Amino acid sequence: YGGAQGKRHRLREGMMWEDGPEYYAKPQFLAYELDLPYSLVYPNGGKPGSDGTVPFGQRTTVEQHFALVHHQLRQLRNALALAQATGRVLILPRLVCGLDRAWMPHSGIFPGSAARLPLLDCP
């Protein structure tokens, strides 16, 4: 691809270009919104801050994190099956994680990180 169209294509592939909702409304795409019950995102209650996060002391347990992630994966599996059956391209939603991940034991976020929980854009 050359010109502006090619640049946009390369930026999309590099995850550096975000199209508006009208781009994904085309018939070849299948997009969906996650069903995220409040009780799964904030299982320990409390009022989230304006950024959607809670104080570190209210972070989720590993079991609560997996309940949240598995709930989203079931929806993803169903959407993928529907996209495959209809010959459409699945547009993935932004996933939410209760805890961060790392290669070593940690207390919910990578040590030294300024991340706040829950991670509303799961890595």
Foldseek 3Di string as FASTA:
>chain_A
DDDPVVVQVVCVVVVNDDDDPVVQVDPQEDEDDADQDPCLQQVQDDDADPVRFDPLVSQDDPVSQVVQVVSRVVVVVVSVVVSVVVNHHYDDDFGKGSAADDPDDDSRYDPPDPDTPGRRRHD
